[in-house]
Amino acid sequence: MRDYTGMAPATVWLTGLSGAGKTSIAHALAHRLQAEGRAVAVLDGDQLRHGLNRDLGFTPTDRHENIRRTAEVARLMNMAGVHVIAAFISPYRADRAMAASIIGAGNFIEVHVSTPLDVCEARDAKGLYAKARAGQIAQFTGISAPYEAPLSAALTLDTQALALDESVERICRHLQRQS
């Protein structure tokens, strides 16, 4: 199924450390696609954890379920003709592979927001990294819990080197090539 502009609805899955820029990219990309007349929804990890996934913590099992539920929502939205931008740390390769399987390999576009840890820590307005380093937050990705970088992401964006508009432009070019 394609939208009226000829683009097949897809899910752009932004993965990376906390503070990498996933949410900023997601909203800027959504704004751009909406300006082009496309139906778009942003699924943000923090937002979903306040509603649909509020019963989940940060254990590997809960993280898996968080990604599974999100992928199911994204799949349904794609089927309804809505382009989805998912901004989730999603630290485990197996969970991202599961999301791709649920959404459909042809509709799943993995984008690694590969901003270095020290840059993410410097951007941390909430002080989460400092709390994690002090042992006040358990299971914090990049500090006390692992992050498995994608082995073959469709795109890799380092927001330390790329401006927000350039990151969005690279994703848009990829979407246009894929359609």
N, C-alpha and C. Protein backbone atom coordinates (compact mmCIF):
# COMPACT_ATOMS: atom_id res chain seq x y z
N MET A 1 0.85 -1.17 0.00
CA MET A 1 0.00 0.00 0.00
C MET A 1 0.90 1.24 0.00
N ARG A 2 0.52 2.22 -0.78
CA ARG A 2 1.25 3.48 -0.84
C ARG A 2 0.31 4.61 -0.47
N ASP A 3 0.86 5.71 0.08
CA ASP A 3 0.01 6.85 0.36
C ASP A 3 -0.24 7.60 -0.94
N TYR A 4 -1.03 8.64 -0.91
CA TYR A 4 -1.40 9.32 -2.14
C TYR A 4 -0.21 9.99 -2.83
N THR A 5 0.91 10.15 -2.12
CA THR A 5 2.10 10.73 -2.75
C THR A 5 2.96 9.66 -3.42
N GLY A 6 2.57 8.40 -3.28
CA GLY A 6 3.31 7.31 -3.90
C GLY A 6 4.33 6.64 -3.00
N MET A 7 4.45 7.10 -1.76
CA MET A 7 5.41 6.51 -0.84
C MET A 7 4.74 5.43 0.00
N ALA A 8 5.37 4.26 0.06
CA ALA A 8 4.85 3.18 0.88
C ALA A 8 5.06 3.52 2.36
N PRO A 9 4.01 3.39 3.19
CA PRO A 9 4.19 3.66 4.62
C PRO A 9 5.25 2.74 5.21
N ALA A 10 6.14 3.33 5.97
CA ALA A 10 7.24 2.58 6.58
C ALA A 10 7.40 3.02 8.02
N THR A 11 8.19 2.27 8.74
CA THR A 11 8.57 2.64 10.09
C THR A 11 10.06 2.93 10.10
N VAL A 12 10.39 4.16 10.42
CA VAL A 12 11.78 4.56 10.60
C VAL A 12 12.08 4.35 12.08
N TRP A 13 12.96 3.39 12.38
CA TRP A 13 13.26 3.02 13.76
C TRP A 13 14.60 3.64 14.14
N LEU A 14 14.54 4.70 14.97
CA LEU A 14 15.73 5.40 15.43
C LEU A 14 16.21 4.75 16.71
N THR A 15 17.43 4.22 16.70
CA THR A 15 18.01 3.56 17.86
C THR A 15 19.32 4.24 18.22
N GLY A 16 19.61 4.33 19.50
CA GLY A 16 20.85 4.94 19.97
C GLY A 16 20.75 5.24 21.45
N LEU A 17 21.84 5.71 21.99
CA LEU A 17 21.90 6.01 23.42
C LEU A 17 20.97 7.16 23.81
N SER A 18 20.67 7.25 25.08
CA SER A 18 19.94 8.38 25.61
C SER A 18 20.74 9.65 25.33
N GLY A 19 20.09 10.67 24.80
CA GLY A 19 20.77 11.92 24.49
C GLY A 19 21.41 11.97 23.12
N ALA A 20 21.25 10.92 22.33
CA ALA A 20 21.87 10.88 21.00
C ALA A 20 21.20 11.82 20.01
N GLY A 21 19.91 12.11 20.24
CA GLY A 21 19.17 12.98 19.33
C GLY A 21 18.01 12.32 18.63
N LYS A 22 17.63 11.14 19.07
CA LYS A 22 16.56 10.38 18.43
C LYS A 22 15.24 11.15 18.40
N THR A 23 14.84 11.68 19.52
CA THR A 23 13.55 12.38 19.60
C THR A 23 13.56 13.65 18.77
N SER A 24 14.65 14.39 18.80
CA SER A 24 14.75 15.61 17.97
C SER A 24 14.64 15.26 16.49
N ILE A 25 15.34 14.23 16.07
CA ILE A 25 15.27 13.80 14.67
C ILE A 25 13.85 13.34 14.34
N ALA A 26 13.25 12.57 15.24
CA ALA A 26 11.90 12.04 14.99
C ALA A 26 10.91 13.17 14.74
N HIS A 27 10.91 14.18 15.58
CA HIS A 27 9.94 15.26 15.43
C HIS A 27 10.24 16.14 14.22
N ALA A 28 11.50 16.38 13.93
CA ALA A 28 11.86 17.16 12.74
C ALA A 28 11.49 16.39 11.47
N LEU A 29 11.72 15.09 11.46
CA LEU A 29 11.36 14.27 10.31
C LEU A 29 9.85 14.23 10.14
N ALA A 30 9.12 14.09 11.23
CA ALA A 30 7.66 14.08 11.16
C ALA A 30 7.15 15.39 10.58
N HIS A 31 7.70 16.49 11.03
CA HIS A 31 7.30 17.81 10.52
C HIS A 31 7.54 17.89 9.02
N ARG A 32 8.68 17.43 8.58
CA ARG A 32 9.02 17.46 7.15
C ARG A 32 8.05 16.60 6.34
N LEU A 33 7.80 15.37 6.79
CA LEU A 33 6.90 14.47 6.05
C LEU A 33 5.47 15.00 6.06
N GLN A 34 5.03 15.57 7.17
CA GLN A 34 3.70 16.16 7.23
C GLN A 34 3.58 17.33 6.27
N ALA A 35 4.63 18.12 6.16
CA ALA A 35 4.63 19.25 5.23
C ALA A 35 4.52 18.78 3.78
N GLU A 36 4.96 17.55 3.53
CA GLU A 36 4.84 16.95 2.20
C GLU A 36 3.49 16.26 1.99
N GLY A 37 2.63 16.34 2.99
CA GLY A 37 1.29 15.78 2.87
C GLY A 37 1.14 14.35 3.32
N ARG A 38 2.10 13.83 4.03
CA ARG A 38 2.04 12.44 4.47
C ARG A 38 1.45 12.35 5.88
N ALA A 39 0.72 11.28 6.13
CA ALA A 39 0.23 10.98 7.47
C ALA A 39 1.39 10.36 8.25
N VAL A 40 1.70 10.94 9.41
CA VAL A 40 2.87 10.53 10.17
C VAL A 40 2.54 10.47 11.65
N ALA A 41 3.12 9.49 12.34
CA ALA A 41 3.01 9.41 13.80
C ALA A 41 4.40 9.16 14.37
N VAL A 42 4.68 9.81 15.48
CA VAL A 42 5.93 9.58 16.21
C VAL A 42 5.60 8.72 17.42
N LEU A 43 6.33 7.63 17.56
CA LEU A 43 6.25 6.79 18.75
C LEU A 43 7.55 7.00 19.51
N ASP A 44 7.46 7.63 20.66
CA ASP A 44 8.64 7.95 21.44
C ASP A 44 8.68 7.07 22.69
N GLY A 45 9.85 6.52 22.96
CA GLY A 45 9.99 5.60 24.09
C GLY A 45 9.54 6.19 25.41
N ASP A 46 9.93 7.43 25.67
CA ASP A 46 9.53 8.06 26.94
C ASP A 46 8.02 8.23 27.01
N GLN A 47 7.40 8.64 25.93
CA GLN A 47 5.95 8.85 25.93
C GLN A 47 5.19 7.54 26.10
N LEU A 48 5.61 6.49 25.40
CA LEU A 48 4.91 5.22 25.52
C LEU A 48 5.05 4.62 26.91
N ARG A 49 6.15 4.92 27.59
CA ARG A 49 6.33 4.40 28.95
C ARG A 49 5.44 5.13 29.96
N HIS A 50 4.80 6.22 29.56
CA HIS A 50 3.83 6.90 30.43
C HIS A 50 2.41 6.42 30.18
N GLY A 51 2.20 5.63 29.15
CA GLY A 51 0.87 5.16 28.82
C GLY A 51 0.87 3.66 28.56
N LEU A 52 0.89 3.30 27.29
CA LEU A 52 0.80 1.90 26.87
C LEU A 52 1.78 0.99 27.61
N ASN A 53 2.98 1.45 27.84
CA ASN A 53 4.02 0.60 28.44
C ASN A 53 4.39 1.01 29.87
N ARG A 54 3.46 1.66 30.56
CA ARG A 54 3.75 2.15 31.92
C ARG A 54 3.98 1.03 32.92
N ASP A 55 3.54 -0.17 32.59
CA ASP A 55 3.72 -1.30 33.50
C ASP A 55 5.08 -1.98 33.35
N LEU A 56 5.93 -1.44 32.48
CA LEU A 56 7.22 -2.07 32.20
C LEU A 56 8.37 -1.31 32.83
N GLY A 57 9.36 -2.05 33.28
CA GLY A 57 10.59 -1.46 33.82
C GLY A 57 11.69 -1.51 32.77
N PHE A 58 12.92 -1.70 33.24
CA PHE A 58 14.06 -1.65 32.35
C PHE A 58 14.90 -2.93 32.38
N THR A 59 14.30 -4.01 32.87
CA THR A 59 14.99 -5.29 32.79
C THR A 59 15.03 -5.72 31.32
N PRO A 60 15.92 -6.63 30.96
CA PRO A 60 15.92 -7.10 29.58
C PRO A 60 14.55 -7.64 29.13
N THR A 61 13.85 -8.33 30.01
CA THR A 61 12.53 -8.87 29.67
C THR A 61 11.54 -7.74 29.42
N ASP A 62 11.54 -6.72 30.27
CA ASP A 62 10.63 -5.59 30.08
C ASP A 62 11.00 -4.77 28.85
N ARG A 63 12.28 -4.62 28.59
CA ARG A 63 12.70 -3.90 27.38
C ARG A 63 12.21 -4.64 26.13
N HIS A 64 12.31 -5.96 26.15
CA HIS A 64 11.83 -6.79 25.04
C HIS A 64 10.33 -6.56 24.80
N GLU A 65 9.57 -6.57 25.86
CA GLU A 65 8.12 -6.37 25.75
C GLU A 65 7.80 -4.96 25.29
N ASN A 66 8.55 -3.98 25.74
CA ASN A 66 8.37 -2.60 25.30
C ASN A 66 8.53 -2.50 23.78
N ILE A 67 9.55 -3.13 23.26
CA ILE A 67 9.80 -3.08 21.82
C ILE A 67 8.75 -3.90 21.07
N ARG A 68 8.35 -5.03 21.60
CA ARG A 68 7.33 -5.85 20.94
C ARG A 68 6.02 -5.08 20.80
N ARG A 69 5.57 -4.47 21.89
CA ARG A 69 4.32 -3.71 21.84
C ARG A 69 4.41 -2.55 20.85
N THR A 70 5.52 -1.86 20.88
CA THR A 70 5.72 -0.73 19.97
C THR A 70 5.71 -1.18 18.52
N ALA A 71 6.37 -2.29 18.24
CA ALA A 71 6.40 -2.81 16.87
C ALA A 71 5.00 -3.20 16.40
N GLU A 72 4.20 -3.76 17.28
CA GLU A 72 2.82 -4.12 16.91
C GLU A 72 2.01 -2.88 16.56
N VAL A 73 2.18 -1.81 17.35
CA VAL A 73 1.49 -0.55 17.07
C VAL A 73 1.96 0.02 15.74
N ALA A 74 3.27 0.02 15.52
CA ALA A 74 3.82 0.55 14.27
C ALA A 74 3.29 -0.24 13.06
N ARG A 75 3.22 -1.55 13.18
CA ARG A 75 2.71 -2.39 12.09
C ARG A 75 1.27 -2.02 11.76
N LEU A 76 0.44 -1.87 12.78
CA LEU A 76 -0.96 -1.51 12.55
C LEU A 76 -1.07 -0.12 11.91
N MET A 77 -0.25 0.80 12.35
CA MET A 77 -0.28 2.14 11.77
C MET A 77 0.17 2.12 10.31
N ASN A 78 1.23 1.36 10.01
CA ASN A 78 1.66 1.23 8.62
C ASN A 78 0.55 0.64 7.76
N MET A 79 -0.14 -0.36 8.28
CA MET A 79 -1.24 -0.99 7.54
C MET A 79 -2.36 0.02 7.27
N ALA A 80 -2.51 1.01 8.14
CA ALA A 80 -3.54 2.04 7.98
C ALA A 80 -3.04 3.19 7.09
N GLY A 81 -1.84 3.08 6.57
CA GLY A 81 -1.31 4.09 5.67
C GLY A 81 -0.55 5.21 6.35
N VAL A 82 -0.17 5.00 7.61
CA VAL A 82 0.53 6.03 8.37
C VAL A 82 2.02 5.68 8.43
N HIS A 83 2.85 6.66 8.13
CA HIS A 83 4.30 6.53 8.28
C HIS A 83 4.61 6.69 9.77
N VAL A 84 5.47 5.83 10.31
CA VAL A 84 5.79 5.83 11.73
C VAL A 84 7.27 6.14 11.91
N ILE A 85 7.54 6.98 12.89
CA ILE A 85 8.92 7.24 13.30
C ILE A 85 9.00 6.82 14.76
N ALA A 86 9.77 5.77 15.02
CA ALA A 86 9.91 5.23 16.37
C ALA A 86 11.27 5.65 16.93
N ALA A 87 11.27 6.33 18.07
CA ALA A 87 12.50 6.79 18.72
C ALA A 87 12.66 6.02 20.03
N PHE A 88 13.49 4.99 19.99
CA PHE A 88 13.68 4.10 21.13
C PHE A 88 15.15 3.74 21.28
N ILE A 89 15.65 3.75 22.50
CA ILE A 89 17.02 3.28 22.71
C ILE A 89 17.14 1.89 22.11
N SER A 90 16.20 1.03 22.38
CA SER A 90 16.16 -0.36 21.90
C SER A 90 17.56 -0.95 21.84
N PRO A 91 18.13 -1.24 23.01
CA PRO A 91 19.56 -1.57 23.09
C PRO A 91 19.97 -2.94 22.54
N TYR A 92 19.02 -3.84 22.35
CA TYR A 92 19.40 -5.20 21.96
C TYR A 92 19.10 -5.48 20.49
N ARG A 93 20.09 -6.02 19.79
CA ARG A 93 19.92 -6.37 18.37
C ARG A 93 18.76 -7.34 18.17
N ALA A 94 18.64 -8.31 19.06
CA ALA A 94 17.58 -9.31 18.91
C ALA A 94 16.20 -8.65 18.99
N ASP A 95 16.04 -7.67 19.85
CA ASP A 95 14.75 -6.99 19.96
C ASP A 95 14.46 -6.16 18.71
N ARG A 96 15.48 -5.52 18.15
CA ARG A 96 15.27 -4.75 16.92
C ARG A 96 14.96 -5.70 15.75
N ALA A 97 15.58 -6.87 15.74
CA ALA A 97 15.27 -7.87 14.71
C ALA A 97 13.83 -8.36 14.86
N MET A 98 13.39 -8.54 16.10
CA MET A 98 12.01 -8.92 16.35
C MET A 98 11.07 -7.83 15.84
N ALA A 99 11.39 -6.56 16.11
CA ALA A 99 10.57 -5.45 15.64
C ALA A 99 10.49 -5.47 14.12
N ALA A 100 11.60 -5.70 13.46
CA ALA A 100 11.62 -5.77 11.99
C ALA A 100 10.73 -6.90 11.50
N SER A 101 10.77 -8.02 12.20
CA SER A 101 9.94 -9.17 11.82
C SER A 101 8.46 -8.86 11.97
N ILE A 102 8.09 -8.20 13.04
CA ILE A 102 6.69 -7.85 13.29
C ILE A 102 6.20 -6.82 12.27
N ILE A 103 6.99 -5.78 12.07
CA ILE A 103 6.60 -4.69 11.17
C ILE A 103 6.67 -5.13 9.72
N GLY A 104 7.62 -5.99 9.42
CA GLY A 104 7.86 -6.45 8.06
C GLY A 104 9.16 -5.84 7.56
N ALA A 105 10.06 -6.69 7.10
CA ALA A 105 11.39 -6.23 6.70
C ALA A 105 11.32 -5.10 5.67
N GLY A 106 10.34 -5.15 4.78
CA GLY A 106 10.22 -4.13 3.76
C GLY A 106 9.74 -2.79 4.29
N ASN A 107 9.16 -2.79 5.48
CA ASN A 107 8.63 -1.56 6.07
C ASN A 107 9.49 -1.02 7.21
N PHE A 108 10.50 -1.76 7.61
CA PHE A 108 11.32 -1.42 8.77
C PHE A 108 12.64 -0.83 8.30
N ILE A 109 12.90 0.42 8.71
CA ILE A 109 14.14 1.10 8.34
C ILE A 109 14.88 1.43 9.63
N GLU A 110 15.94 0.69 9.88
CA GLU A 110 16.72 0.91 11.11
C GLU A 110 17.73 2.03 10.87
N VAL A 111 17.66 3.04 11.74
CA VAL A 111 18.58 4.17 11.68
C VAL A 111 19.32 4.24 13.00
N HIS A 112 20.64 4.08 12.92
CA HIS A 112 21.46 4.13 14.14
C HIS A 112 21.91 5.57 14.36
N VAL A 113 21.44 6.16 15.43
CA VAL A 113 21.88 7.49 15.83
C VAL A 113 23.10 7.23 16.73
N SER A 114 24.28 7.28 16.10
CA SER A 114 25.50 6.75 16.71
C SER A 114 26.35 7.80 17.43
N THR A 115 25.72 8.72 18.06
CA THR A 115 26.42 9.79 18.77
C THR A 115 27.25 9.20 19.92
N PRO A 116 28.51 9.62 20.05
CA PRO A 116 29.39 9.07 21.09
C PRO A 116 28.84 9.29 22.51
N LEU A 117 29.16 8.36 23.38
CA LEU A 117 28.69 8.40 24.77
C LEU A 117 29.04 9.72 25.45
N ASP A 118 30.26 10.23 25.27
CA ASP A 118 30.63 11.46 25.96
C ASP A 118 29.79 12.65 25.50
N VAL A 119 29.39 12.65 24.24
CA VAL A 119 28.53 13.72 23.73
C VAL A 119 27.13 13.58 24.32
N CYS A 120 26.63 12.35 24.38
CA CYS A 120 25.31 12.11 24.98
C CYS A 120 25.30 12.54 26.44
N GLU A 121 26.36 12.23 27.17
CA GLU A 121 26.45 12.63 28.57
C GLU A 121 26.47 14.15 28.71
N ALA A 122 27.18 14.83 27.84
CA ALA A 122 27.26 16.29 27.90
C ALA A 122 25.92 16.95 27.61
N ARG A 123 25.06 16.28 26.83
CA ARG A 123 23.75 16.82 26.48
C ARG A 123 22.69 16.53 27.54
N ASP A 124 22.99 15.71 28.51
CA ASP A 124 22.01 15.17 29.43
C ASP A 124 21.46 16.21 30.40
N ALA A 125 20.37 16.85 30.02
CA ALA A 125 19.75 17.90 30.84
C ALA A 125 19.12 17.34 32.12
N LYS A 126 18.71 16.08 32.10
CA LYS A 126 18.04 15.49 33.26
C LYS A 126 19.03 14.92 34.28
N GLY A 127 20.30 14.86 33.92
CA GLY A 127 21.30 14.33 34.84
C GLY A 127 21.25 12.82 35.01
N LEU A 128 20.66 12.12 34.06
CA LEU A 128 20.50 10.66 34.18
C LEU A 128 21.84 9.93 34.15
N TYR A 129 22.74 10.37 33.29
CA TYR A 129 24.06 9.71 33.21
C TYR A 129 24.81 9.86 34.53
N ALA A 130 24.77 11.05 35.12
CA ALA A 130 25.46 11.27 36.40
C ALA A 130 24.86 10.37 37.48
N LYS A 131 23.54 10.25 37.48
CA LYS A 131 22.89 9.38 38.46
C LYS A 131 23.26 7.92 38.22
N ALA A 132 23.33 7.52 36.96
CA ALA A 132 23.71 6.14 36.64
C ALA A 132 25.15 5.86 37.06
N ARG A 133 26.03 6.81 36.80
CA ARG A 133 27.44 6.63 37.20
C ARG A 133 27.59 6.59 38.72
N ALA A 134 26.69 7.26 39.42
CA ALA A 134 26.73 7.26 40.89
C ALA A 134 26.02 6.04 41.48
N GLY A 135 25.48 5.18 40.61
CA GLY A 135 24.80 3.98 41.08
C GLY A 135 23.37 4.21 41.51
N GLN A 136 22.82 5.39 41.19
CA GLN A 136 21.45 5.71 41.60
C GLN A 136 20.40 5.20 40.62
N ILE A 137 20.83 4.87 39.40
CA ILE A 137 19.92 4.30 38.40
C ILE A 137 20.52 2.98 37.93
N ALA A 138 19.78 1.91 38.13
CA ALA A 138 20.24 0.60 37.68
C ALA A 138 19.82 0.38 36.23
N GLN A 139 20.51 -0.48 35.54
CA GLN A 139 20.15 -0.87 34.17
C GLN A 139 20.08 0.34 33.23
N PHE A 140 21.06 1.26 33.33
CA PHE A 140 21.07 2.43 32.45
C PHE A 140 21.95 2.13 31.24
N THR A 141 21.34 2.16 30.07
CA THR A 141 22.02 1.79 28.84
C THR A 141 23.24 2.66 28.60
N GLY A 142 24.35 1.99 28.32
CA GLY A 142 25.61 2.67 28.05
C GLY A 142 26.49 2.80 29.27
N ILE A 143 25.90 2.65 30.46
CA ILE A 143 26.66 2.75 31.72
C ILE A 143 26.63 1.40 32.43
N SER A 144 25.46 0.99 32.90
CA SER A 144 25.35 -0.26 33.66
C SER A 144 24.56 -1.33 32.91
N ALA A 145 24.17 -1.02 31.69
CA ALA A 145 23.48 -1.98 30.83
C ALA A 145 24.04 -1.79 29.41
N PRO A 146 24.07 -2.87 28.65
CA PRO A 146 24.71 -2.81 27.33
C PRO A 146 23.88 -2.09 26.27
N TYR A 147 24.56 -1.60 25.25
CA TYR A 147 23.93 -1.14 24.01
C TYR A 147 24.62 -1.88 22.88
N GLU A 148 23.86 -2.64 22.13
CA GLU A 148 24.39 -3.39 20.99
C GLU A 148 24.10 -2.59 19.71
N ALA A 149 25.12 -1.95 19.20
CA ALA A 149 24.97 -1.14 17.99
C ALA A 149 24.55 -2.03 16.82
N PRO A 150 23.73 -1.51 15.92
CA PRO A 150 23.34 -2.28 14.75
C PRO A 150 24.55 -2.70 13.92
N LEU A 151 24.46 -3.87 13.34
CA LEU A 151 25.53 -4.36 12.47
C LEU A 151 25.33 -3.93 11.02
N SER A 152 24.08 -3.69 10.65
CA SER A 152 23.80 -3.32 9.26
C SER A 152 22.59 -2.40 9.17
N ALA A 153 22.67 -1.27 9.85
CA ALA A 153 21.57 -0.29 9.81
C ALA A 153 21.45 0.28 8.40
N ALA A 154 20.25 0.67 8.05
CA ALA A 154 20.02 1.30 6.75
C ALA A 154 20.77 2.62 6.66
N LEU A 155 20.84 3.32 7.78
CA LEU A 155 21.56 4.60 7.87
C LEU A 155 22.23 4.69 9.24
N THR A 156 23.35 5.41 9.29
CA THR A 156 24.00 5.73 10.54
C THR A 156 24.18 7.23 10.58
N LEU A 157 23.73 7.84 11.67
CA LEU A 157 23.80 9.30 11.82
C LEU A 157 24.53 9.63 13.11
N ASP A 158 25.58 10.41 13.02
CA ASP A 158 26.30 10.89 14.20
C ASP A 158 25.91 12.35 14.38
N THR A 159 25.06 12.62 15.36
CA THR A 159 24.56 13.98 15.54
C THR A 159 25.61 14.93 16.11
N GLN A 160 26.77 14.41 16.46
CA GLN A 160 27.88 15.28 16.82
C GLN A 160 28.43 15.93 15.55
N ALA A 161 28.41 15.20 14.44
CA ALA A 161 28.97 15.68 13.18
C ALA A 161 27.91 16.25 12.24
N LEU A 162 26.65 15.83 12.40
CA LEU A 162 25.58 16.24 11.49
C LEU A 162 24.60 17.18 12.18
N ALA A 163 24.21 18.22 11.48
CA ALA A 163 23.16 19.10 11.97
C ALA A 163 21.83 18.36 11.87
N LEU A 164 20.85 18.80 12.63
CA LEU A 164 19.53 18.17 12.63
C LEU A 164 18.94 18.12 11.23
N ASP A 165 19.00 19.21 10.50
CA ASP A 165 18.41 19.22 9.16
C ASP A 165 19.11 18.26 8.21
N GLU A 166 20.42 18.06 8.36
CA GLU A 166 21.14 17.12 7.51
C GLU A 166 20.75 15.68 7.85
N SER A 167 20.56 15.39 9.13
CA SER A 167 20.11 14.05 9.53
C SER A 167 18.74 13.76 8.91
N VAL A 168 17.83 14.72 8.99
CA VAL A 168 16.49 14.56 8.42
C VAL A 168 16.59 14.39 6.91
N GLU A 169 17.42 15.18 6.27
CA GLU A 169 17.58 15.09 4.81
C GLU A 169 18.08 13.71 4.39
N ARG A 170 19.02 13.16 5.12
CA ARG A 170 19.54 11.82 4.78
C ARG A 170 18.45 10.76 4.90
N ILE A 171 17.62 10.86 5.92
CA ILE A 171 16.53 9.90 6.06
C ILE A 171 15.53 10.08 4.92
N CYS A 172 15.20 11.31 4.58
CA CYS A 172 14.25 11.56 3.48
C CYS A 172 14.77 11.03 2.16
N ARG A 173 16.05 11.21 1.89
CA ARG A 173 16.63 10.67 0.65
C ARG A 173 16.53 9.15 0.63
N HIS A 174 16.77 8.54 1.79
CA HIS A 174 16.66 7.07 1.87
C HIS A 174 15.22 6.63 1.61
N LEU A 175 14.26 7.31 2.20
CA LEU A 175 12.84 6.98 1.99
C LEU A 175 12.46 7.11 0.53
N GLN A 176 12.93 8.15 -0.13
CA GLN A 176 12.61 8.36 -1.54
C GLN A 176 13.21 7.27 -2.42
N ARG A 177 14.44 6.86 -2.10
CA ARG A 177 15.08 5.78 -2.87
C ARG A 177 14.35 4.46 -2.67
N GLN A 178 13.82 4.26 -1.48
CA GLN A 178 13.16 2.99 -1.15
C GLN A 178 11.79 2.88 -1.81
N SER A 179 11.13 3.99 -2.07
CA SER A 179 9.76 3.96 -2.62
C SER A 179 9.74 3.56 -4.07
